[in-house]
Amino acid sequence: MIDLQQTKKLQLIWPQARINNSAVTVASVDRKGFNYATIRIAIGATDIGLTTFKLQESDDNTTFTDVPNADFSISPLSLPSNTNSNTLWEWQIDLRAPRKRYLRPAITVGNGSAGAFLAATAELSRAEQSPTTPTSQGLTGVATV
């Protein structure tokens, strides 16, 4: 198997109706057993910027705190705006650093006319034990061509 295929994929935000003037419900990631994570946010059509766009972590999957340098509202990063339709954003996280077990994005969409379409995924890599089956990779189906 190719090393890049030996990752675990998770859907954090499923495609859904536009979100407007609201915090987004986002699943958390249990990163136990992995040394690297990539969390991607896809912003579809939007007429409003995001007011919160940061990464958080937790030891117990209940009480979350902000990850330093992972808040897009703090320079040099900048929040996605109403001109960021159809863009892809990403956090690249070295989990070997002192990181807590659970990760999740915290996202709030501002108050626009229609709001924003969002979807999010996480990919865990550099595993202590590589996932080798579709199920252990977080997939329902795989076509190898």
N, C-alpha and C. Protein backbone atom coordinates (compact mmCIF):
# COMPACT_ATOMS: atom_id res chain seq x y z
N MET A 1 0.84 -1.18 0.00
CA MET A 1 0.00 0.00 0.00
C MET A 1 0.88 1.24 0.00
N ILE A 2 0.45 2.27 -0.68
CA ILE A 2 1.16 3.54 -0.75
C ILE A 2 0.98 4.28 0.58
N ASP A 3 2.08 4.82 1.14
CA ASP A 3 2.01 5.49 2.45
C ASP A 3 0.93 6.56 2.52
N LEU A 4 0.74 7.33 1.47
CA LEU A 4 -0.26 8.39 1.50
C LEU A 4 -1.69 7.86 1.61
N GLN A 5 -1.88 6.58 1.31
CA GLN A 5 -3.20 5.98 1.46
C GLN A 5 -3.44 5.51 2.89
N GLN A 6 -2.39 5.43 3.68
CA GLN A 6 -2.50 4.92 5.04
C GLN A 6 -2.81 6.06 6.01
N THR A 7 -3.91 6.71 5.76
CA THR A 7 -4.38 7.80 6.59
C THR A 7 -5.80 7.51 7.01
N LYS A 8 -6.27 8.25 8.00
CA LYS A 8 -7.66 8.13 8.42
C LYS A 8 -8.37 9.43 8.07
N LYS A 9 -9.52 9.30 7.41
CA LYS A 9 -10.29 10.45 6.98
C LYS A 9 -11.56 10.57 7.81
N LEU A 10 -11.92 11.78 8.19
CA LEU A 10 -13.13 12.02 8.98
C LEU A 10 -13.87 13.23 8.41
N GLN A 11 -15.17 13.14 8.39
CA GLN A 11 -15.99 14.27 7.96
C GLN A 11 -16.41 15.03 9.22
N LEU A 12 -16.06 16.30 9.31
CA LEU A 12 -16.37 17.11 10.49
C LEU A 12 -17.63 17.94 10.31
N ILE A 13 -17.86 18.41 9.09
CA ILE A 13 -19.10 19.11 8.75
C ILE A 13 -19.59 18.50 7.44
N TRP A 14 -20.78 17.92 7.47
CA TRP A 14 -21.35 17.35 6.25
C TRP A 14 -21.97 18.47 5.42
N PRO A 15 -21.99 18.31 4.09
CA PRO A 15 -22.67 19.32 3.27
C PRO A 15 -24.11 19.50 3.76
N GLN A 16 -24.54 20.75 3.82
CA GLN A 16 -25.84 21.07 4.40
C GLN A 16 -26.34 22.39 3.85
N ALA A 17 -27.50 22.81 4.31
CA ALA A 17 -28.06 24.10 3.92
C ALA A 17 -27.14 25.22 4.38
N ARG A 18 -27.30 26.39 3.81
CA ARG A 18 -26.51 27.55 4.22
C ARG A 18 -26.67 27.81 5.71
N ILE A 19 -25.61 28.28 6.32
CA ILE A 19 -25.61 28.65 7.72
C ILE A 19 -25.48 30.17 7.78
N ASN A 20 -26.33 30.82 8.55
CA ASN A 20 -26.32 32.27 8.64
C ASN A 20 -26.46 32.71 10.10
N ASN A 21 -25.59 33.63 10.51
CA ASN A 21 -25.66 34.23 11.84
C ASN A 21 -25.72 33.17 12.94
N SER A 22 -24.81 32.20 12.85
CA SER A 22 -24.88 31.07 13.78
C SER A 22 -23.52 30.38 13.89
N ALA A 23 -23.29 29.77 15.06
CA ALA A 23 -22.14 28.88 15.21
C ALA A 23 -22.42 27.60 14.44
N VAL A 24 -21.39 27.01 13.90
CA VAL A 24 -21.51 25.80 13.09
C VAL A 24 -21.28 24.59 13.99
N THR A 25 -22.12 23.58 13.85
CA THR A 25 -21.92 22.33 14.58
C THR A 25 -20.80 21.55 13.89
N VAL A 26 -19.74 21.28 14.64
CA VAL A 26 -18.56 20.62 14.08
C VAL A 26 -18.20 19.42 14.96
N ALA A 27 -17.99 18.28 14.35
CA ALA A 27 -17.55 17.10 15.09
C ALA A 27 -16.09 17.27 15.51
N SER A 28 -15.72 16.59 16.57
CA SER A 28 -14.33 16.63 17.01
C SER A 28 -13.57 15.43 16.43
N VAL A 29 -12.24 15.51 16.50
CA VAL A 29 -11.36 14.48 15.99
C VAL A 29 -10.59 13.87 17.16
N ASP A 30 -10.65 12.55 17.29
CA ASP A 30 -9.82 11.85 18.25
C ASP A 30 -8.53 11.50 17.53
N ARG A 31 -7.45 12.18 17.85
CA ARG A 31 -6.20 12.03 17.13
C ARG A 31 -5.25 11.00 17.75
N LYS A 32 -5.75 10.23 18.70
CA LYS A 32 -4.91 9.24 19.39
C LYS A 32 -4.30 8.27 18.38
N GLY A 33 -2.99 8.07 18.48
CA GLY A 33 -2.29 7.14 17.61
C GLY A 33 -1.77 7.75 16.32
N PHE A 34 -1.95 9.06 16.14
CA PHE A 34 -1.49 9.73 14.93
C PHE A 34 -0.60 10.91 15.30
N ASN A 35 0.38 11.21 14.46
CA ASN A 35 1.33 12.29 14.74
C ASN A 35 1.12 13.53 13.89
N TYR A 36 0.13 13.50 12.98
CA TYR A 36 -0.09 14.67 12.13
C TYR A 36 -1.57 14.73 11.75
N ALA A 37 -2.10 15.93 11.68
CA ALA A 37 -3.49 16.12 11.27
C ALA A 37 -3.58 17.28 10.30
N THR A 38 -4.45 17.12 9.33
CA THR A 38 -4.79 18.19 8.41
C THR A 38 -6.30 18.36 8.48
N ILE A 39 -6.75 19.54 8.83
CA ILE A 39 -8.18 19.83 8.90
C ILE A 39 -8.48 20.86 7.83
N ARG A 40 -9.42 20.50 6.93
CA ARG A 40 -9.76 21.37 5.79
C ARG A 40 -11.21 21.85 5.90
N ILE A 41 -11.40 23.12 5.62
CA ILE A 41 -12.73 23.71 5.58
C ILE A 41 -12.97 24.19 4.16
N ALA A 42 -14.05 23.74 3.56
CA ALA A 42 -14.45 24.22 2.25
C ALA A 42 -15.57 25.22 2.45
N ILE A 43 -15.37 26.42 1.93
CA ILE A 43 -16.41 27.45 1.98
C ILE A 43 -16.98 27.54 0.57
N GLY A 44 -18.27 27.23 0.45
CA GLY A 44 -18.94 27.34 -0.84
C GLY A 44 -19.42 28.77 -1.05
N ALA A 45 -20.56 28.91 -1.67
CA ALA A 45 -21.11 30.25 -1.89
C ALA A 45 -21.37 30.92 -0.54
N THR A 46 -20.95 32.17 -0.43
CA THR A 46 -21.17 32.92 0.81
C THR A 46 -21.40 34.39 0.49
N ASP A 47 -22.24 35.02 1.27
CA ASP A 47 -22.44 36.46 1.14
C ASP A 47 -22.02 37.19 2.41
N ILE A 48 -21.33 36.46 3.31
CA ILE A 48 -20.94 37.04 4.59
C ILE A 48 -19.63 36.40 5.05
N GLY A 49 -18.87 37.14 5.81
CA GLY A 49 -17.63 36.60 6.36
C GLY A 49 -17.89 35.77 7.61
N LEU A 50 -16.86 35.08 8.04
CA LEU A 50 -16.93 34.31 9.27
C LEU A 50 -16.44 35.19 10.42
N THR A 51 -17.08 35.07 11.57
CA THR A 51 -16.69 35.87 12.73
C THR A 51 -15.82 35.08 13.71
N THR A 52 -15.88 33.77 13.62
CA THR A 52 -15.01 32.88 14.40
C THR A 52 -14.49 31.81 13.46
N PHE A 53 -13.19 31.59 13.48
CA PHE A 53 -12.57 30.59 12.61
C PHE A 53 -11.24 30.20 13.24
N LYS A 54 -11.31 29.22 14.17
CA LYS A 54 -10.12 28.84 14.93
C LYS A 54 -10.14 27.36 15.24
N LEU A 55 -8.99 26.86 15.65
CA LEU A 55 -8.86 25.46 16.02
C LEU A 55 -8.80 25.38 17.54
N GLN A 56 -9.48 24.36 18.08
CA GLN A 56 -9.49 24.15 19.52
C GLN A 56 -9.08 22.71 19.84
N GLU A 57 -8.70 22.47 21.12
CA GLU A 57 -8.29 21.14 21.55
C GLU A 57 -8.82 20.86 22.95
N SER A 58 -8.87 19.56 23.29
CA SER A 58 -9.42 19.14 24.57
C SER A 58 -8.80 17.82 25.01
N ASP A 59 -8.67 17.64 26.32
CA ASP A 59 -8.23 16.36 26.87
C ASP A 59 -9.39 15.39 27.02
N ASP A 60 -10.61 15.93 27.22
CA ASP A 60 -11.76 15.09 27.57
C ASP A 60 -12.90 15.14 26.55
N ASN A 61 -12.72 15.83 25.42
CA ASN A 61 -13.74 15.98 24.39
C ASN A 61 -14.98 16.73 24.89
N THR A 62 -14.79 17.52 25.96
CA THR A 62 -15.88 18.32 26.52
C THR A 62 -15.47 19.77 26.68
N THR A 63 -14.36 20.01 27.35
CA THR A 63 -13.88 21.36 27.60
C THR A 63 -12.76 21.67 26.61
N PHE A 64 -13.03 22.59 25.67
CA PHE A 64 -12.09 22.92 24.62
C PHE A 64 -11.44 24.28 24.87
N THR A 65 -10.16 24.38 24.51
CA THR A 65 -9.43 25.64 24.58
C THR A 65 -8.81 25.91 23.22
N ASP A 66 -8.50 27.16 22.97
CA ASP A 66 -7.94 27.55 21.68
C ASP A 66 -6.50 27.04 21.52
N VAL A 67 -6.18 26.59 20.31
CA VAL A 67 -4.82 26.20 19.97
C VAL A 67 -4.06 27.47 19.60
N PRO A 68 -2.91 27.72 20.23
CA PRO A 68 -2.14 28.92 19.89
C PRO A 68 -1.77 28.95 18.41
N ASN A 69 -1.83 30.13 17.84
CA ASN A 69 -1.46 30.38 16.44
C ASN A 69 -2.38 29.72 15.43
N ALA A 70 -3.59 29.33 15.87
CA ALA A 70 -4.52 28.66 14.95
C ALA A 70 -5.86 29.39 14.88
N ASP A 71 -5.84 30.70 15.15
CA ASP A 71 -7.05 31.54 15.12
C ASP A 71 -6.92 32.51 13.95
N PHE A 72 -7.78 32.36 12.96
CA PHE A 72 -7.71 33.20 11.77
C PHE A 72 -8.14 34.65 12.03
N SER A 73 -8.61 34.96 13.24
CA SER A 73 -8.94 36.35 13.54
C SER A 73 -7.73 37.11 14.07
N ILE A 74 -6.60 36.43 14.26
CA ILE A 74 -5.40 37.05 14.81
C ILE A 74 -4.31 37.09 13.73
N SER A 75 -3.78 38.27 13.48
CA SER A 75 -2.73 38.47 12.49
C SER A 75 -1.52 37.58 12.82
N PRO A 76 -0.89 37.00 11.83
CA PRO A 76 -0.92 37.32 10.42
C PRO A 76 -2.02 36.61 9.64
N LEU A 77 -2.81 35.75 10.29
CA LEU A 77 -3.93 35.11 9.63
C LEU A 77 -5.07 36.12 9.49
N SER A 78 -6.04 35.82 8.64
CA SER A 78 -7.21 36.70 8.52
C SER A 78 -8.45 35.85 8.26
N LEU A 79 -9.57 36.33 8.79
CA LEU A 79 -10.84 35.61 8.68
C LEU A 79 -11.32 35.54 7.24
N PRO A 80 -11.97 34.44 6.86
CA PRO A 80 -12.62 34.40 5.55
C PRO A 80 -13.69 35.49 5.49
N SER A 81 -13.77 36.14 4.34
CA SER A 81 -14.71 37.26 4.18
C SER A 81 -15.81 36.88 3.19
N ASN A 82 -16.68 37.84 2.91
CA ASN A 82 -17.78 37.60 1.97
C ASN A 82 -17.28 37.41 0.54
N THR A 83 -16.00 37.68 0.28
CA THR A 83 -15.45 37.48 -1.07
C THR A 83 -14.74 36.14 -1.20
N ASN A 84 -14.86 35.29 -0.20
CA ASN A 84 -14.15 34.01 -0.20
C ASN A 84 -15.03 32.83 -0.58
N SER A 85 -15.98 33.04 -1.48
CA SER A 85 -16.78 31.92 -1.97
C SER A 85 -15.89 30.90 -2.68
N ASN A 86 -16.23 29.63 -2.52
CA ASN A 86 -15.56 28.53 -3.22
C ASN A 86 -14.05 28.52 -2.98
N THR A 87 -13.69 28.55 -1.69
CA THR A 87 -12.27 28.50 -1.30
C THR A 87 -12.05 27.37 -0.30
N LEU A 88 -10.80 26.97 -0.18
CA LEU A 88 -10.41 25.88 0.71
C LEU A 88 -9.41 26.42 1.72
N TRP A 89 -9.65 26.14 3.00
CA TRP A 89 -8.82 26.61 4.11
C TRP A 89 -8.31 25.39 4.87
N GLU A 90 -7.18 25.55 5.57
CA GLU A 90 -6.59 24.36 6.17
C GLU A 90 -5.77 24.71 7.42
N TRP A 91 -5.84 23.81 8.40
CA TRP A 91 -4.90 23.80 9.52
C TRP A 91 -4.02 22.58 9.33
N GLN A 92 -2.71 22.74 9.45
CA GLN A 92 -1.75 21.65 9.37
C GLN A 92 -1.12 21.54 10.76
N ILE A 93 -1.37 20.42 11.45
CA ILE A 93 -1.04 20.31 12.87
C ILE A 93 -0.05 19.18 13.12
N ASP A 94 1.12 19.55 13.65
CA ASP A 94 2.09 18.57 14.09
C ASP A 94 1.65 18.11 15.48
N LEU A 95 1.23 16.88 15.59
CA LEU A 95 0.69 16.36 16.84
C LEU A 95 1.76 15.84 17.79
N ARG A 96 3.00 15.89 17.36
CA ARG A 96 4.08 15.49 18.25
C ARG A 96 4.35 16.57 19.30
N ALA A 97 4.02 17.81 18.95
CA ALA A 97 4.13 18.91 19.92
C ALA A 97 3.13 18.64 21.04
N PRO A 98 3.25 19.32 22.16
CA PRO A 98 2.27 19.08 23.23
C PRO A 98 0.86 19.44 22.76
N ARG A 99 0.12 18.45 22.32
CA ARG A 99 -1.24 18.63 21.84
C ARG A 99 -2.16 17.76 22.67
N LYS A 100 -3.36 18.22 22.85
CA LYS A 100 -4.36 17.43 23.55
C LYS A 100 -4.96 16.39 22.60
N ARG A 101 -5.72 15.46 23.13
CA ARG A 101 -6.19 14.30 22.35
C ARG A 101 -7.23 14.66 21.30
N TYR A 102 -8.12 15.61 21.58
CA TYR A 102 -9.23 15.92 20.67
C TYR A 102 -9.03 17.29 20.04
N LEU A 103 -9.37 17.39 18.77
CA LEU A 103 -9.29 18.65 18.03
C LEU A 103 -10.64 18.94 17.40
N ARG A 104 -10.94 20.23 17.24
CA ARG A 104 -12.12 20.61 16.47
C ARG A 104 -12.00 22.08 16.05
N PRO A 105 -12.52 22.41 14.89
CA PRO A 105 -12.61 23.81 14.52
C PRO A 105 -13.79 24.46 15.25
N ALA A 106 -13.66 25.73 15.57
CA ALA A 106 -14.77 26.53 16.07
C ALA A 106 -15.06 27.57 15.00
N ILE A 107 -16.27 27.53 14.45
CA ILE A 107 -16.62 28.38 13.31
C ILE A 107 -17.96 29.05 13.57
N THR A 108 -18.01 30.35 13.32
CA THR A 108 -19.28 31.08 13.39
C THR A 108 -19.41 31.90 12.11
N VAL A 109 -20.57 31.80 11.48
CA VAL A 109 -20.87 32.57 10.26
C VAL A 109 -21.56 33.85 10.68
N GLY A 110 -21.15 34.96 10.07
CA GLY A 110 -21.74 36.26 10.36
C GLY A 110 -23.19 36.34 9.86
N ASN A 111 -23.79 37.51 10.04
CA ASN A 111 -25.19 37.74 9.68
C ASN A 111 -25.28 38.34 8.29
N GLY A 112 -25.51 37.49 7.29
CA GLY A 112 -25.62 37.94 5.91
C GLY A 112 -27.04 37.81 5.40
N SER A 113 -27.22 38.03 4.13
CA SER A 113 -28.54 37.86 3.53
C SER A 113 -28.93 36.40 3.44
N ALA A 114 -27.96 35.56 3.05
CA ALA A 114 -28.22 34.14 2.89
C ALA A 114 -27.30 33.27 3.74
N GLY A 115 -26.07 33.71 4.00
CA GLY A 115 -25.14 32.92 4.80
C GLY A 115 -24.10 32.23 3.94
N ALA A 116 -23.59 31.10 4.44
CA ALA A 116 -22.49 30.40 3.78
C ALA A 116 -22.73 28.89 3.78
N PHE A 117 -22.29 28.26 2.71
CA PHE A 117 -22.22 26.80 2.66
C PHE A 117 -20.84 26.40 3.19
N LEU A 118 -20.79 25.41 4.07
CA LEU A 118 -19.52 24.94 4.63
C LEU A 118 -19.49 23.42 4.66
N ALA A 119 -18.31 22.88 4.49
CA ALA A 119 -18.06 21.46 4.72
C ALA A 119 -16.65 21.36 5.29
N ALA A 120 -16.38 20.31 6.07
CA ALA A 120 -15.05 20.17 6.66
C ALA A 120 -14.66 18.70 6.76
N THR A 121 -13.36 18.46 6.58
CA THR A 121 -12.81 17.12 6.73
C THR A 121 -11.53 17.18 7.55
N ALA A 122 -11.17 16.05 8.13
CA ALA A 122 -9.89 15.91 8.80
C ALA A 122 -9.20 14.68 8.24
N GLU A 123 -7.90 14.76 8.13
CA GLU A 123 -7.12 13.61 7.70
C GLU A 123 -5.97 13.42 8.69
N LEU A 124 -5.94 12.26 9.32
CA LEU A 124 -4.90 11.93 10.29
C LEU A 124 -3.85 11.07 9.60
N SER A 125 -2.58 11.37 9.85
CA SER A 125 -1.51 10.63 9.19
C SER A 125 -0.36 10.43 10.16
N ARG A 126 0.69 9.77 9.65
CA ARG A 126 1.86 9.40 10.46
C ARG A 126 1.40 8.59 11.67
N ALA A 127 0.70 7.52 11.38
CA ALA A 127 0.10 6.68 12.42
C ALA A 127 1.12 5.78 13.10
N GLU A 128 0.85 5.52 14.38
CA GLU A 128 1.66 4.54 15.10
C GLU A 128 1.44 3.16 14.49
N GLN A 129 0.19 2.85 14.12
CA GLN A 129 -0.15 1.63 13.39
C GLN A 129 -1.02 2.06 12.22
N SER A 130 -0.52 1.85 11.02
CA SER A 130 -1.20 2.35 9.83
C SER A 130 -2.55 1.67 9.61
N PRO A 131 -3.58 2.47 9.34
CA PRO A 131 -4.87 1.88 8.96
C PRO A 131 -4.76 1.33 7.54
N THR A 132 -5.14 0.07 7.36
CA THR A 132 -4.94 -0.57 6.07
C THR A 132 -6.23 -1.01 5.39
N THR A 133 -7.35 -0.94 6.09
CA THR A 133 -8.62 -1.32 5.49
C THR A 133 -9.45 -0.07 5.25
N PRO A 134 -10.40 -0.11 4.32
CA PRO A 134 -11.25 1.05 4.12
C PRO A 134 -11.94 1.52 5.41
N THR A 135 -12.43 0.59 6.21
CA THR A 135 -13.11 0.96 7.45
C THR A 135 -12.17 1.67 8.40
N SER A 136 -10.97 1.14 8.60
CA SER A 136 -10.02 1.78 9.52
C SER A 136 -9.50 3.11 8.97
N GLN A 137 -9.66 3.32 7.68
CA GLN A 137 -9.29 4.59 7.07
C GLN A 137 -10.44 5.59 7.10
N GLY A 138 -11.58 5.18 7.65
CA GLY A 138 -12.73 6.08 7.75
C GLY A 138 -13.57 6.14 6.49
N LEU A 139 -13.44 5.16 5.63
CA LEU A 139 -14.13 5.17 4.33
C LEU A 139 -15.24 4.12 4.29
N THR A 140 -16.27 4.42 3.53
CA THR A 140 -17.35 3.48 3.31
C THR A 140 -17.06 2.60 2.10
N GLY A 141 -16.45 3.20 1.09
CA GLY A 141 -16.12 2.45 -0.12
C GLY A 141 -14.86 2.99 -0.75
N VAL A 142 -14.14 2.13 -1.46
CA VAL A 142 -12.91 2.52 -2.13
C VAL A 142 -12.88 1.87 -3.51
N ALA A 143 -12.50 2.63 -4.49
CA ALA A 143 -12.24 2.08 -5.82
C ALA A 143 -10.76 2.26 -6.11
N THR A 144 -10.05 1.17 -6.32
CA THR A 144 -8.63 1.24 -6.66
C THR A 144 -8.53 0.94 -8.15
N VAL A 145 -8.05 1.93 -8.89
CA VAL A 145 -7.98 1.78 -10.36
C VAL A 145 -6.58 1.98 -10.87
